[in-house]
Amino acid sequence: MILEGTWEVTSLAVDDEQVESIPGSIMTLEFSEGRVGGNASINRFMGQLGEDRLFGPLATTMMAGPPELMEQERRYLELLGRTDSILFRPGKLDLIADNDVLVTLKWVGTKAEPKTVK
């Protein structure tokens, strides 16, 4: 099941607690027709849905930025790689692994409310 549209990260798991994204940074997750992509803080990423984990291997652009944003980006991409399920609530999305919330996102798409497709 895929939630089509664009989501923005509000918090990431760091050392067993949720930490808000760095002010002014934008991390997104976009679902479209079996593919995923988005902004990881500095760089864009793209890929397909995986089999063992929710997200398959992701390709990224290779730009550098401030160390704190590069670390946030590294953490976000690592958490995407661990995600094994999604919990959808109206306007919110949690990425989960082993029953722990890794990333929380909010709906920011330009379309109407997100839809689920098979």
C-alpha atoms as a PDB file:
ATOM      1  CA  MET A   1       0.000   0.000   0.000  1.00  0.00           C
ATOM      2  CA  ILE A   2       1.395   3.400  -0.962  1.00  0.00           C
ATOM      3  CA  LEU A   3       0.340   6.813   0.242  1.00  0.00           C
ATOM      4  CA  GLU A   4       0.570   9.033  -2.815  1.00  0.00           C
ATOM      5  CA  GLY A   5       1.766  12.597  -2.354  1.00  0.00           C
ATOM      6  CA  THR A   6       4.281  14.684  -0.413  1.00  0.00           C
ATOM      7  CA  TRP A   7       5.057  14.518   3.310  1.00  0.00           C
ATOM      8  CA  GLU A   8       7.392  16.692   5.411  1.00  0.00           C
ATOM      9  CA  VAL A   9       9.447  15.347   8.322  1.00  0.00           C
ATOM     10  CA  THR A  10       8.568  16.818  11.707  1.00  0.00           C
ATOM     11  CA  SER A  11      10.776  14.576  13.873  1.00  0.00           C
ATOM     12  CA  LEU A  12      13.409  11.820  13.732  1.00  0.00           C
ATOM     13  CA  ALA A  13      14.346   9.143  16.257  1.00  0.00           C
ATOM     14  CA  VAL A  14      17.704   9.880  17.879  1.00  0.00           C
ATOM     15  CA  ASP A  15      18.870   7.726  20.809  1.00  0.00           C
ATOM     16  CA  ASP A  16      15.366   6.397  21.528  1.00  0.00           C
ATOM     17  CA  GLU A  17      13.640   9.790  21.486  1.00  0.00           C
ATOM     18  CA  GLN A  18      12.000  11.911  18.799  1.00  0.00           C
ATOM     19  CA  VAL A  19      13.965  15.055  17.876  1.00  0.00           C
ATOM     20  CA  GLU A  20      12.463  17.849  15.791  1.00  0.00           C
ATOM     21  CA  SER A  21      14.096  18.657  12.483  1.00  0.00           C
ATOM     22  CA  ILE A  22      16.586  21.532  12.445  1.00  0.00           C
ATOM     23  CA  PRO A  23      14.717  24.838  11.975  1.00  0.00           C
ATOM     24  CA  GLY A  24      14.889  26.020   8.390  1.00  0.00           C
ATOM     25  CA  SER A  25      15.763  22.589   7.009  1.00  0.00           C
ATOM     26  CA  ILE A  26      13.330  20.690   4.851  1.00  0.00           C
ATOM     27  CA  MET A  27      13.152  16.905   4.723  1.00  0.00           C
ATOM     28  CA  THR A  28      10.410  15.404   2.604  1.00  0.00           C
ATOM     29  CA  LEU A  29       9.158  12.031   1.448  1.00  0.00           C
ATOM     30  CA  GLU A  30       7.217  11.736  -1.804  1.00  0.00           C
ATOM     31  CA  PHE A  31       5.313   8.659  -2.988  1.00  0.00           C
ATOM     32  CA  SER A  32       4.322   8.367  -6.643  1.00  0.00           C
ATOM     33  CA  GLU A  33       3.424   5.267  -8.637  1.00  0.00           C
ATOM     34  CA  GLY A  34       5.610   2.788  -6.712  1.00  0.00           C
ATOM     35  CA  ARG A  35       8.567   5.150  -6.448  1.00  0.00           C
ATOM     36  CA  VAL A  36       9.826   7.301  -3.597  1.00  0.00           C
ATOM     37  CA  GLY A  37      11.903  10.438  -3.495  1.00  0.00           C
ATOM     38  CA  GLY A  38      12.343  13.599  -1.556  1.00  0.00           C
ATOM     39  CA  ASN A  39      14.695  16.045   0.066  1.00  0.00           C
ATOM     40  CA  ALA A  40      17.018  14.740   2.800  1.00  0.00           C
ATOM     41  CA  SER A  41      18.137  18.220   4.085  1.00  0.00           C
ATOM     42  CA  ILE A  42      20.856  19.092   1.554  1.00  0.00           C
ATOM     43  CA  ASN A  43      20.483  16.420  -1.112  1.00  0.00           C
ATOM     44  CA  ARG A  44      17.600  14.878  -3.056  1.00  0.00           C
ATOM     45  CA  PHE A  45      17.041  11.131  -2.991  1.00  0.00           C
ATOM     46  CA  MET A  46      15.067   8.733  -5.158  1.00  0.00           C
ATOM     47  CA  GLY A  47      14.360   5.028  -5.395  1.00  0.00           C
ATOM     48  CA  GLN A  48      11.761   2.294  -5.415  1.00  0.00           C
ATOM     49  CA  LEU A  49       9.863   0.493  -2.737  1.00  0.00           C
ATOM     50  CA  GLY A  50      11.791  -2.493  -1.435  1.00  0.00           C
ATOM     51  CA  GLU A  51      10.988  -6.087  -0.580  1.00  0.00           C
ATOM     52  CA  ASP A  52      12.655  -6.790   2.783  1.00  0.00           C
ATOM     53  CA  ARG A  53      12.402  -3.208   3.974  1.00  0.00           C
ATOM     54  CA  LEU A  54       9.853  -0.637   2.873  1.00  0.00           C
ATOM     55  CA  PHE A  55      12.372   1.364   0.876  1.00  0.00           C
ATOM     56  CA  GLY A  56      14.798  -0.251  -1.553  1.00  0.00           C
ATOM     57  CA  PRO A  57      18.246   1.190  -2.211  1.00  0.00           C
ATOM     58  CA  LEU A  58      18.079   4.969  -2.543  1.00  0.00           C
ATOM     59  CA  ALA A  59      20.217   7.098  -4.838  1.00  0.00           C
ATOM     60  CA  THR A  60      21.164  10.596  -3.701  1.00  0.00           C
ATOM     61  CA  THR A  61      22.733  13.698  -5.116  1.00  0.00           C
ATOM     62  CA  MET A  62      26.160  14.449  -3.604  1.00  0.00           C
ATOM     63  CA  MET A  63      26.208  18.078  -2.451  1.00  0.00           C
ATOM     64  CA  ALA A  64      27.850  19.143   0.817  1.00  0.00           C
ATOM     65  CA  GLY A  65      26.451  21.499   3.423  1.00  0.00           C
ATOM     66  CA  PRO A  66      26.804  22.550   7.061  1.00  0.00           C
ATOM     67  CA  PRO A  67      27.873  19.659   9.334  1.00  0.00           C
ATOM     68  CA  GLU A  68      24.660  19.680  11.397  1.00  0.00           C
ATOM     69  CA  LEU A  69      22.511  19.380   8.266  1.00  0.00           C
ATOM     70  CA  MET A  70      24.757  16.672   6.830  1.00  0.00           C
ATOM     71  CA  GLU A  71      24.381  14.698  10.075  1.00  0.00           C
ATOM     72  CA  GLN A  72      20.593  15.159  10.061  1.00  0.00           C
ATOM     73  CA  GLU A  73      20.519  13.981   6.428  1.00  0.00           C
ATOM     74  CA  ARG A  74      22.666  10.934   7.214  1.00  0.00           C
ATOM     75  CA  ARG A  75      20.327  10.018  10.070  1.00  0.00           C
ATOM     76  CA  TYR A  76      17.173  10.456   7.965  1.00  0.00           C
ATOM     77  CA  LEU A  77      18.475   8.276   5.134  1.00  0.00           C
ATOM     78  CA  GLU A  78      19.617   5.633   7.632  1.00  0.00           C
ATOM     79  CA  LEU A  79      16.140   5.581   9.225  1.00  0.00           C
ATOM     80  CA  LEU A  80      14.481   5.255   5.818  1.00  0.00           C
ATOM     81  CA  GLY A  81      16.655   2.196   5.214  1.00  0.00           C
ATOM     82  CA  ARG A  82      15.440   0.592   8.447  1.00  0.00           C
ATOM     83  CA  THR A  83      11.711   1.280   7.945  1.00  0.00           C
ATOM     84  CA  ASP A  84       9.577  -1.856   7.726  1.00  0.00           C
ATOM     85  CA  SER A  85       6.054  -0.401   8.022  1.00  0.00           C
ATOM     86  CA  ILE A  86       3.968   2.763   7.919  1.00  0.00           C
ATOM     87  CA  LEU A  87       1.254   3.990  10.263  1.00  0.00           C
ATOM     88  CA  PHE A  88      -1.124   6.425   8.544  1.00  0.00           C
ATOM     89  CA  ARG A  89      -3.336   8.818  10.463  1.00  0.00           C
ATOM     90  CA  PRO A  90      -5.212  11.669   8.761  1.00  0.00           C
ATOM     91  CA  GLY A  91      -2.554  14.248   7.921  1.00  0.00           C
ATOM     92  CA  LYS A  92       0.254  12.321   9.647  1.00  0.00           C
ATOM     93  CA  LEU A  93       2.529   9.436   8.797  1.00  0.00           C
ATOM     94  CA  ASP A  94       4.880   7.422  11.030  1.00  0.00           C
ATOM     95  CA  LEU A  95       7.701   5.300   9.625  1.00  0.00           C
ATOM     96  CA  ILE A  96       8.252   2.301  11.881  1.00  0.00           C
ATOM     97  CA  ALA A  97      10.813  -0.461  12.457  1.00  0.00           C
ATOM     98  CA  ASP A  98      10.428  -3.196  15.042  1.00  0.00           C
ATOM     99  CA  ASN A  99       7.388  -1.370  16.502  1.00  0.00           C
ATOM    100  CA  ASP A 100       9.413   1.823  17.135  1.00  0.00           C
ATOM    101  CA  VAL A 101       8.559   5.124  15.452  1.00  0.00           C
ATOM    102  CA  LEU A 102      11.605   6.235  13.476  1.00  0.00           C
ATOM    103  CA  VAL A 103      10.261   9.261  11.592  1.00  0.00           C
ATOM    104  CA  THR A 104       7.077  11.319  11.893  1.00  0.00           C
ATOM    105  CA  LEU A 105       5.837  13.303   8.893  1.00  0.00           C
ATOM    106  CA  LYS A 106       2.958  15.674   8.147  1.00  0.00           C
ATOM    107  CA  TRP A 107       0.978  15.985   4.912  1.00  0.00           C
ATOM    108  CA  VAL A 108       2.072  18.949   2.774  1.00  0.00           C
ATOM    109  CA  GLY A 109       0.997  17.829  -0.677  1.00  0.00           C
ATOM    110  CA  THR A 110      -0.796  20.164  -2.994  1.00  0.00           C
ATOM    111  CA  LYS A 111      -3.491  17.617  -3.796  1.00  0.00           C
ATOM    112  CA  ALA A 112      -6.461  16.874  -1.592  1.00  0.00           C
ATOM    113  CA  GLU A 113      -6.095  14.489   1.347  1.00  0.00           C
ATOM    114  CA  PRO A 114      -3.613  11.655   0.619  1.00  0.00           C
ATOM    115  CA  LYS A 115      -5.007   8.447  -0.804  1.00  0.00           C
ATOM    116  CA  THR A 116      -3.977   4.859  -0.492  1.00  0.00           C
ATOM    117  CA  VAL A 117      -3.474   2.780  -3.607  1.00  0.00           C
ATOM    118  CA  LYS A 118      -2.514  -0.845  -4.131  1.00  0.00           C
END
